[in-house]
Structure formats: structure tokens, C-alpha cells
Amino acid sequence: MGGVNRTRAQSGVSVSTGGRAGANLGAVRSHNAALVLGLLRDAGAEGISRLELAERTGLTPQAVSKITARLREQGFAAQAGRRASTGGKPRTVLRLVPEAGHAVGVHLDRDELRAVLVDLDGAVVAQRRAELDLGAGATTVLGVLARAVEELVGQALGLGDDGALAGAATLLGVGVALPGPLDHVRGVLHRVTGFPEWDGFALRDVLQARLGVAVVVDKDTNAAALGLSVRGEGGSGSFAYLHLGTGLGAGLVIGGSVHRGARTGAGEFGHQVIQLDGPLCECGNRGCVEVLCLGAVGRGEPAEAARVLGVAAANLVGLLDIDAVLLGGRTVAGAPQVYVRGVGDVLAARARREGMPGGAVPVRVAQGGEGLVAEGAAQLLLGRLFGRGDA
């Protein structure tokens, strides 16, 4: 849909634009260039020399010179000064130009939309919030989404003469995160819990045709986990991000990469059954963690909700042996210490019973607040630009 499909290779990942994309989306044409861009971003304002880039990438100095020359020509990199060397003339230091590219991240929740515009550093340039009913039908929901994105980009970057998003020269595209399950690779929704009418809806293709820029679709928890991983909050190892808001899900980072599973369905954490013949969940099962947690929240019992969440988190820790558990979502935000303490107590009791070396897995609230998922959705675009294979 949306015209001729163009596939642009970036960092070993194919991005189907489904129509005209932002001018810079196809500018980084190789895996090696993506590696260099990633190191420029990691170096920050202090920058990094070509020699250091060659040492860290394993590329020849000549290859690095060609890549950085192209990146400077395209506006992605600039000179940051000179640095003294052990011999010879001072080395030229290069830095990333954050304003050379932007991405939109959209969090479609069951009852609201949050959208952010970020630069190449992931810094939020502009943001917008709107009320939303995910069950109002595709026409209504996509209308709210399109208006929010167009207003956000138009005010911050400006649109083309025809009012199209593709006219925003530095716009890379739009990342959309929403409750699962869904097919991340094809951008097709499955039976979103509580909203079965979305089953089989090709959200990515429809949005690309409507917006005229590249679109990537993923689960809200995966997007949040990606954003946390990019910022280094979960460390370099493995962690689980548990999101308790209007629903409950998990984003998993294993060995530094987002784990989606063979069919991109991993992380349906809220629908593990922990009480046989328990209350009926909207997914059709009984005794799911989600229905038990939300039931306790509805009764005004956050401590009980935290205990139930802790039991499910302990199952996850036992199964995957992860390094940390991060908590987020608006329900957690309403009583953060209650949830950290409740989940932590269950994990600590498990660690004592099993004599786990090093003690219990740490539990903490994920940084990022209410914009965490939307900012992670923007990283679905930026991650590909910087060579992350899990974006």
C-alpha cells in the first residue's frame, strides 16, 4: 500500500518504507556506517577521532575516512575540535549532529495516545498527548494518531509545501507501540486483549500509506525495553521490564538485545495462569496475572497487586535467570515504592529459599515516566540507523 515499496538496507536490517520516506532514512547505506554512527553517538559532545573509530570497529583508517566524509557531507557528523596525539599533528575529533535526524514515537494505549519527537540523541524535542478509545475502530484511532503526528512534526520541523510529513527533511519515520500480541516483523496486529476487532489489521502498511513515511510497529513493552537498553539503564546483561497500566506485559532484554521470540510473541507476561479456576480474564483464560493484579488495584489494594506481580516476576526470574526487574506503567507510578517493595519481598524470599548466590535480583522503577513507551517507540527507528539488530 502507499505506492512502490522500497527496501533500504541499514545495518543488516531491511526497512520497507511503503512509499516516500524522510530524506535521511536511506542515507546510511551500510552496516559499517551504522557502526560508526553508533560510536559517534556514544562519544557524546566530546567526540571521537577517526583513529579511535578504526580501532573500535576493526575497519581500516581509509574505510573510516570515507564513511566519516560521507556522514559529514550528509550532515550527520561534524568536527568537534582537535585532540593532542602521542606523535605527529593533533587528531581531528568528530561528533554526531543530533539535529540532523528526528523520529516520532507513538504510544497507543487503551485510553490515550502519547507522541514524542526525538533527535538522534534520543532527546525529546516536542511531545503531545490526546485522549483515545482503542475500541473506537480503525478509522477513528488512525485519525487521532495521524493528526497528532502531523501537528507534532509540523510545529517542530515544518511540513512540505503540500502539508505532507515526507516534506520534513530530517524525519526518519514513525515508531508505534501498543498492547500486543502482534507481529513485529509484518506490522500486523493479533487479538489485542480486550479489542479482538483489531485481529489481522495491517497497522504498519496502512499507516505508511496514510503518513507517507516509514513506520515500525511493536508491542509497548518491547519498545520500552528497547529504550531502556539504549540508555543503558538495564546494564549490559539481561533484564525484564514489567509494565502495569491498563494491562500487564513484559519486555525482555536478553544478552543486551530485545527478545521477541520466533514469532515475535514473547513477553505476554500478563497472561500466565497462576490461579487455576481463578477469575475470568479478557483473554479467555482464568486466573491470569493481569486479571488478578488489576482486580486488586480496582479494590484499592496495591500491596496485594504488588504481591501477585512479585509471584509472576519470580517465575520469570527462575525461568530466565535475569539480572534485574524494572517496573513501569501508570499503575506503578501511582504507588512506586509499594510495588518495588512488594515485588522485591517475593524475590528476596525466593532467593533465601533457594540459596541464590549474590542474593535476590534487584527491583527498581524504570526511569522515563509516562513518556517511556513513546520514547522507546522512537528508538524503533533510531536503533536501525545506529546498527541495533533488535530494533
Protein backbone atom coordinates (compact mmCIF):
# COMPACT_ATOMS: atom_id res chain seq x y z
CA MET A 1 0.00 0.00 0.00
CA GLY A 2 1.07 3.63 -0.34
CA GLY A 3 2.89 3.30 -3.65
CA VAL A 4 6.01 1.39 -4.56
CA ASN A 5 7.72 -0.46 -1.71
CA ARG A 6 11.38 0.44 -1.38
CA THR A 7 13.64 -1.69 0.79
CA ARG A 8 16.65 0.15 2.13
CA ALA A 9 19.42 -1.88 3.78
CA GLN A 10 20.52 -0.46 7.09
CA SER A 11 22.83 -2.30 9.43
CA GLY A 12 21.76 -5.62 8.02
CA VAL A 13 18.08 -4.78 8.56
CA SER A 14 15.63 -4.18 5.73
CA VAL A 15 13.20 -1.32 6.22
CA SER A 16 10.14 -1.30 3.98
CA THR A 17 9.12 2.33 3.59
CA GLY A 18 5.85 1.68 1.77
CA GLY A 19 6.21 5.00 -0.03
CA ARG A 20 8.39 8.07 0.19
CA ALA A 21 10.40 8.21 3.41
CA GLY A 22 12.15 11.06 5.17
CA ALA A 23 15.15 12.25 3.17
CA ASN A 24 17.69 10.86 5.62
CA LEU A 25 16.29 7.37 6.20
CA GLY A 26 18.24 5.83 3.35
CA ALA A 27 21.35 7.93 3.85
CA VAL A 28 23.20 5.38 5.96
CA ARG A 29 23.75 2.68 3.38
CA SER A 30 25.93 0.15 5.16
CA HIS A 31 26.42 -1.78 8.34
CA ASN A 32 29.83 -0.18 8.75
CA ALA A 33 28.38 3.31 8.55
CA ALA A 34 25.81 2.38 11.19
CA LEU A 35 28.61 1.18 13.48
CA VAL A 36 30.44 4.46 13.06
CA LEU A 37 27.27 6.46 13.72
CA GLY A 38 26.66 4.46 16.89
CA LEU A 39 30.13 5.22 18.19
CA LEU A 40 29.71 8.91 17.37
CA ARG A 41 26.51 8.94 19.40
CA ASP A 42 28.12 7.10 22.31
CA ALA A 43 31.03 9.57 22.35
CA GLY A 44 28.72 12.50 23.04
CA ALA A 45 29.76 16.13 22.69
CA GLU A 46 33.44 15.34 23.34
CA GLY A 47 33.57 13.38 20.10
CA ILE A 48 35.87 10.65 18.86
CA SER A 49 38.80 10.58 16.43
CA ARG A 50 38.97 8.62 13.18
CA LEU A 51 41.80 6.52 14.62
CA GLU A 52 39.64 5.55 17.60
CA LEU A 53 36.78 4.73 15.25
CA ALA A 54 39.06 2.44 13.26
CA GLU A 55 40.31 0.71 16.41
CA ARG A 56 36.83 0.10 17.80
CA THR A 57 35.21 -1.04 14.57
CA GLY A 58 38.11 -3.02 13.15
CA LEU A 59 37.82 -1.07 9.90
CA THR A 60 40.80 0.32 8.07
CA PRO A 61 41.60 4.02 8.55
CA GLN A 62 40.87 4.53 4.85
CA ALA A 63 37.40 2.98 5.19
CA VAL A 64 36.66 5.12 8.25
CA SER A 65 37.78 8.25 6.42
CA LYS A 66 35.42 7.51 3.53
CA ILE A 67 32.48 6.80 5.86
CA THR A 68 33.01 9.89 8.02
CA ALA A 69 33.44 12.07 4.94
CA ARG A 70 30.08 10.87 3.66
CA LEU A 71 28.44 11.36 7.06
CA ARG A 72 29.80 14.91 7.25
CA GLU A 73 28.55 15.65 3.74
CA GLN A 74 25.10 14.37 4.69
CA GLY A 75 25.09 16.44 7.89
CA PHE A 76 25.16 13.56 10.36
CA ALA A 77 28.67 14.30 11.66
CA ALA A 78 30.70 17.46 12.31
CA GLN A 79 34.13 18.39 13.59
CA ALA A 80 34.23 18.75 17.38
CA GLY A 81 37.78 20.09 17.63
CA ARG A 82 41.26 18.64 17.84
CA ARG A 83 42.88 16.36 20.38
CA ALA A 84 46.57 16.02 21.18
CA SER A 85 48.20 12.81 19.95
CA THR A 86 51.27 10.91 21.13
CA GLY A 87 53.10 11.87 17.95
CA GLY A 88 52.51 13.97 14.90
CA LYS A 89 49.81 16.56 14.40
CA PRO A 90 46.70 16.71 16.65
CA ARG A 91 43.84 14.41 15.71
CA THR A 92 40.58 15.79 14.38
CA VAL A 93 37.68 14.80 16.61
CA LEU A 94 34.20 14.19 15.18
CA ARG A 95 30.81 14.29 16.87
CA LEU A 96 27.24 13.35 15.99
CA VAL A 97 24.93 16.17 14.91
CA PRO A 98 21.74 15.36 16.88
CA GLU A 99 19.51 17.72 14.91
CA ALA A 100 20.37 16.02 11.62
CA GLY A 101 17.62 13.46 12.13
CA HIS A 102 14.38 13.03 14.05
CA ALA A 103 11.96 10.23 14.79
CA VAL A 104 8.41 10.20 16.11
CA GLY A 105 7.43 7.69 18.78
CA VAL A 106 3.75 7.00 19.47
CA HIS A 107 2.32 5.07 22.41
CA LEU A 108 -1.21 3.87 21.64
CA ASP A 109 -2.69 2.87 24.97
CA ARG A 110 -6.21 1.65 25.54
CA ASP A 111 -7.46 5.10 26.56
CA GLU A 112 -4.84 7.64 25.49
CA LEU A 113 -2.16 8.48 22.93
CA ARG A 114 1.26 9.90 23.72
CA ALA A 115 3.57 11.07 20.95
CA VAL A 116 7.12 12.41 21.14
CA LEU A 117 9.55 13.81 18.59
CA VAL A 118 13.17 12.99 19.42
CA ASP A 119 16.51 13.85 17.83
CA LEU A 120 19.34 11.43 17.06
CA ASP A 121 20.48 11.52 20.70
CA GLY A 122 17.00 10.48 21.81
CA ALA A 123 16.35 13.87 23.42
CA VAL A 124 12.68 14.86 23.35
CA VAL A 125 12.14 17.90 21.12
CA ALA A 126 8.34 18.05 21.34
CA GLN A 127 5.51 15.94 22.72
CA ARG A 128 1.75 15.63 22.59
CA ARG A 129 -1.00 13.76 24.43
CA ALA A 130 -4.57 13.03 23.34
CA GLU A 131 -7.49 11.03 24.65
CA LEU A 132 -8.16 7.83 22.76
CA ASP A 133 -10.50 4.86 22.74
CA LEU A 134 -8.65 1.91 21.22
CA GLY A 135 -12.01 0.23 20.68
CA ALA A 136 -13.48 3.11 18.65
CA GLY A 137 -12.49 1.50 15.34
CA ALA A 138 -9.57 1.83 12.96
CA THR A 139 -10.83 4.95 11.18
CA THR A 140 -11.19 6.93 14.40
CA VAL A 141 -7.99 5.67 16.04
CA LEU A 142 -5.83 6.25 12.97
CA GLY A 143 -7.35 9.69 12.53
CA VAL A 144 -6.33 10.67 16.06
CA LEU A 145 -2.85 9.23 15.50
CA ALA A 146 -2.30 10.94 12.15
CA ARG A 147 -3.43 14.33 13.44
CA ALA A 148 -1.18 14.07 16.50
CA VAL A 149 1.87 13.15 14.42
CA GLU A 150 1.25 15.79 11.76
CA GLU A 151 0.72 18.54 14.35
CA LEU A 152 3.77 17.44 16.34
CA VAL A 153 6.10 17.38 13.32
CA GLY A 154 4.55 20.43 11.71
CA GLN A 155 5.09 22.62 14.75
CA ALA A 156 8.63 21.40 15.45
CA LEU A 157 10.10 20.78 11.98
CA GLY A 158 7.61 22.10 9.45
CA LEU A 159 5.94 20.10 6.69
CA GLY A 160 6.29 20.15 2.93
CA ASP A 161 4.51 22.65 0.71
CA ASP A 162 1.74 20.09 0.30
CA GLY A 163 1.46 19.63 4.07
CA ALA A 164 2.93 16.12 3.90
CA LEU A 165 5.14 14.58 6.58
CA ALA A 166 7.64 13.49 3.92
CA GLY A 167 8.43 17.15 3.43
CA ALA A 168 10.06 17.29 6.86
CA ALA A 169 13.61 16.74 5.61
CA THR A 170 15.09 15.33 8.82
CA LEU A 171 12.19 13.00 9.69
CA LEU A 172 13.25 9.33 9.66
CA GLY A 173 9.80 7.92 10.30
CA VAL A 174 7.31 6.92 12.99
CA GLY A 175 7.50 4.15 15.56
CA VAL A 176 4.21 2.95 17.02
CA ALA A 177 3.92 0.92 20.20
CA LEU A 178 0.68 -0.57 21.51
CA PRO A 179 -0.58 -3.56 23.53
CA GLY A 180 0.01 -6.98 21.99
CA PRO A 181 0.01 -9.58 20.81
CA LEU A 182 1.18 -8.57 17.34
CA ASP A 183 3.58 -9.49 14.57
CA HIS A 184 6.50 -7.07 14.79
CA VAL A 185 8.08 -8.17 11.51
CA ARG A 186 4.96 -7.65 9.37
CA GLY A 187 3.42 -4.91 11.50
CA VAL A 188 0.15 -6.86 11.78
CA LEU A 189 -1.95 -6.91 14.96
CA HIS A 190 -3.32 -10.08 16.51
CA ARG A 191 -6.14 -10.32 19.05
CA VAL A 192 -5.22 -7.34 21.23
CA THR A 193 -6.52 -8.22 24.68
CA GLY A 194 -9.91 -6.60 25.12
CA PHE A 195 -10.04 -5.44 21.49
CA PRO A 196 -10.43 -8.51 19.25
CA GLU A 197 -11.65 -6.36 16.36
CA TRP A 198 -8.02 -5.44 15.61
CA ASP A 199 -7.11 -9.06 14.82
CA GLY A 200 -5.32 -9.24 11.46
CA PHE A 201 -5.16 -5.46 10.95
CA ALA A 202 -2.05 -4.47 8.92
CA LEU A 203 -1.29 -1.38 11.00
CA ARG A 204 2.19 -0.72 9.59
CA ASP A 205 1.16 -0.81 5.93
CA VAL A 206 -1.97 1.24 6.49
CA LEU A 207 -0.07 3.92 8.42
CA GLN A 208 2.75 4.06 5.88
CA ALA A 209 0.22 4.64 3.12
CA ARG A 210 -1.51 7.35 5.12
CA LEU A 211 1.55 9.16 6.52
CA GLY A 212 3.93 8.71 3.59
CA VAL A 213 6.93 7.91 5.80
CA ALA A 214 8.50 4.74 7.20
CA VAL A 215 6.58 3.11 10.06
CA VAL A 216 7.66 0.42 12.53
CA VAL A 217 5.17 -1.29 14.85
CA ASP A 218 5.92 -3.16 18.08
CA LYS A 219 4.45 -4.02 21.45
CA ASP A 220 4.52 -1.27 24.06
CA THR A 221 6.65 -3.34 26.45
CA ASN A 222 9.23 -4.18 23.76
CA ALA A 223 9.53 -0.53 22.81
CA ALA A 224 10.05 0.46 26.44
CA ALA A 225 12.64 -2.28 26.93
CA LEU A 226 14.50 -1.13 23.80
CA GLY A 227 14.56 2.45 25.03
CA LEU A 228 15.84 1.37 28.44
CA SER A 229 18.53 -0.77 26.82
CA VAL A 230 19.68 2.07 24.56
CA ARG A 231 20.04 4.31 27.61
CA GLY A 232 21.97 1.59 29.44
CA GLU A 233 19.53 1.53 32.34
CA GLY A 234 19.26 -2.23 32.40
CA GLY A 235 23.02 -2.70 32.22
CA SER A 236 24.76 -4.73 29.55
CA GLY A 237 23.18 -8.06 30.52
CA SER A 238 19.57 -9.23 30.80
CA PHE A 239 16.53 -7.66 32.41
CA ALA A 240 12.74 -7.69 32.36
CA TYR A 241 10.64 -4.57 32.11
CA LEU A 242 7.20 -5.17 33.66
CA HIS A 243 4.55 -2.66 32.60
CA LEU A 244 1.43 -2.40 34.74
CA GLY A 245 -1.03 0.18 33.47
CA THR A 246 -4.40 -0.56 31.92
CA GLY A 247 -2.96 -4.04 31.26
CA LEU A 248 0.15 -6.02 32.17
CA GLY A 249 3.00 -7.11 29.93
CA ALA A 250 6.76 -7.60 29.85
CA GLY A 251 9.62 -6.50 27.65
CA LEU A 252 12.63 -8.83 27.78
CA VAL A 253 16.24 -7.92 27.09
CA ILE A 254 18.47 -11.00 26.93
CA GLY A 255 22.19 -10.59 26.43
CA GLY A 256 21.76 -6.91 25.61
CA SER A 257 19.12 -7.40 22.88
CA VAL A 258 15.32 -7.24 22.94
CA HIS A 259 13.95 -10.79 22.86
CA ARG A 260 10.79 -11.15 20.79
CA GLY A 261 10.80 -14.89 20.13
CA ALA A 262 10.47 -16.89 16.94
CA ARG A 263 7.05 -15.39 16.14
CA THR A 264 7.67 -12.02 17.86
CA GLY A 265 5.19 -13.07 20.55
CA ALA A 266 7.45 -13.17 23.62
CA GLY A 267 6.55 -11.07 26.64
CA GLU A 268 2.86 -11.92 27.05
CA PHE A 269 3.67 -11.96 30.73
CA GLY A 270 0.25 -10.87 31.96
CA HIS A 271 -1.46 -13.99 30.67
CA GLN A 272 0.45 -16.63 32.56
CA VAL A 273 -2.04 -18.51 34.75
CA ILE A 274 -1.11 -18.54 38.43
CA GLN A 275 -4.54 -19.41 39.90
CA LEU A 276 -6.35 -22.37 38.40
CA ASP A 277 -10.10 -21.71 38.04
CA GLY A 278 -9.49 -18.09 39.07
CA PRO A 279 -11.41 -15.06 37.79
CA LEU A 280 -12.06 -14.84 34.05
CA CYS A 281 -9.56 -12.73 32.12
CA GLU A 282 -10.39 -10.80 28.94
CA CYS A 283 -8.01 -13.12 27.07
CA GLY A 284 -10.39 -16.04 27.79
CA ASN A 285 -8.25 -17.82 30.40
CA ARG A 286 -8.90 -17.90 34.13
CA GLY A 287 -6.52 -16.82 36.86
CA CYS A 288 -4.11 -14.77 34.73
CA VAL A 289 -1.67 -12.48 36.48
CA GLU A 290 -3.22 -9.48 34.73
CA VAL A 291 -6.77 -10.06 35.93
CA LEU A 292 -5.55 -10.77 39.48
CA CYS A 293 -3.35 -7.67 39.58
CA LEU A 294 -5.93 -5.34 38.11
CA GLY A 295 -8.59 -6.82 40.36
CA ALA A 296 -6.53 -5.94 43.42
CA VAL A 297 -5.89 -2.45 42.03
CA GLY A 298 -9.62 -1.99 41.48
CA ARG A 299 -10.29 -2.94 45.10
CA GLY A 300 -7.79 -0.36 46.30
CA GLU A 301 -5.26 -3.00 47.41
CA PRO A 302 -1.94 -2.03 45.79
CA ALA A 303 0.07 -4.15 48.24
CA GLU A 304 -1.83 -7.26 47.12
CA ALA A 305 -1.37 -6.29 43.47
CA ALA A 306 2.36 -5.95 44.12
CA ARG A 307 2.47 -9.36 45.80
CA VAL A 308 0.75 -11.01 42.83
CA LEU A 309 3.10 -9.21 40.45
CA GLY A 310 6.00 -10.44 42.55
CA VAL A 311 4.88 -14.07 42.27
CA ALA A 312 4.78 -13.78 38.48
CA ALA A 313 8.11 -11.94 38.42
CA ALA A 314 9.66 -14.74 40.48
CA ASN A 315 8.52 -17.23 37.85
CA LEU A 316 10.24 -15.13 35.20
CA VAL A 317 13.44 -14.82 37.23
CA GLY A 318 13.51 -18.56 37.81
CA LEU A 319 12.97 -19.28 34.12
CA LEU A 320 15.42 -16.79 32.60
CA ASP A 321 17.93 -16.01 35.40
CA ILE A 322 17.85 -12.29 34.55
CA ASP A 323 19.94 -9.58 36.20
CA ALA A 324 17.23 -7.06 37.12
CA VAL A 325 13.50 -6.37 37.16
CA LEU A 326 12.36 -2.88 36.15
CA LEU A 327 8.82 -1.69 36.82
CA GLY A 328 6.76 0.90 34.95
CA GLY A 329 3.30 1.94 33.82
CA ARG A 330 0.79 4.39 35.23
CA THR A 331 -0.45 1.98 37.93
CA VAL A 332 3.08 1.51 39.25
CA ALA A 333 3.61 5.28 39.03
CA GLY A 334 0.69 5.76 41.42
CA ALA A 335 2.47 3.89 44.24
CA PRO A 336 6.03 3.16 43.11
CA GLN A 337 7.53 2.20 46.45
CA VAL A 338 4.65 -0.15 47.23
CA TYR A 339 5.34 -2.09 44.03
CA VAL A 340 9.12 -2.09 44.40
CA ARG A 341 8.82 -3.34 47.97
CA GLY A 342 6.10 -5.90 47.19
CA VAL A 343 7.85 -7.42 44.19
CA GLY A 344 11.22 -7.22 45.92
CA ASP A 345 9.95 -9.06 49.01
CA VAL A 346 8.73 -12.01 46.93
CA LEU A 347 12.01 -12.21 45.01
CA ALA A 348 14.01 -11.96 48.24
CA ALA A 349 12.04 -14.80 49.82
CA ARG A 350 12.67 -16.94 46.75
CA ALA A 351 16.40 -16.15 46.87
CA ARG A 352 16.58 -17.18 50.53
CA ARG A 353 14.76 -20.46 49.90
CA GLU A 354 17.00 -21.39 47.01
CA GLY A 355 20.25 -20.03 48.44
CA MET A 356 20.86 -17.97 45.33
CA PRO A 357 24.46 -16.69 45.19
CA GLY A 358 24.51 -12.92 45.24
CA GLY A 359 21.07 -12.68 46.79
CA ALA A 360 17.83 -11.52 45.22
CA VAL A 361 17.53 -9.98 41.78
CA PRO A 362 17.23 -6.18 42.24
CA VAL A 363 13.91 -4.46 41.60
CA ARG A 364 13.53 -0.78 40.76
CA VAL A 365 11.26 1.65 38.94
CA ALA A 366 12.33 2.30 35.34
CA GLN A 367 13.32 5.88 34.61
CA GLY A 368 11.39 7.76 31.95
CA GLY A 369 7.99 8.27 33.48
CA GLU A 370 4.86 8.39 31.35
CA GLY A 371 6.82 9.02 28.16
CA LEU A 372 8.91 5.85 28.44
CA VAL A 373 6.97 3.79 25.89
CA ALA A 374 6.67 6.61 23.35
CA GLU A 375 10.39 7.38 23.58
CA GLY A 376 11.13 3.68 23.14
CA ALA A 377 8.88 3.63 20.08
CA ALA A 378 11.06 6.34 18.51
CA GLN A 379 14.08 4.10 19.12
CA LEU A 380 12.48 1.51 16.82
CA LEU A 381 13.56 3.89 14.03
CA LEU A 382 16.78 5.23 15.54
CA GLY A 383 18.00 1.79 16.57
CA ARG A 384 18.12 0.68 12.95
CA LEU A 385 20.03 3.78 11.98
CA PHE A 386 22.66 3.06 14.63
CA GLY A 387 23.07 -0.62 13.84
CA ARG A 388 20.94 -2.25 16.54
CA GLY A 389 19.67 -5.50 15.09
CA ASP A 390 16.92 -5.77 17.71
CA ALA A 391 15.11 -2.53 16.78
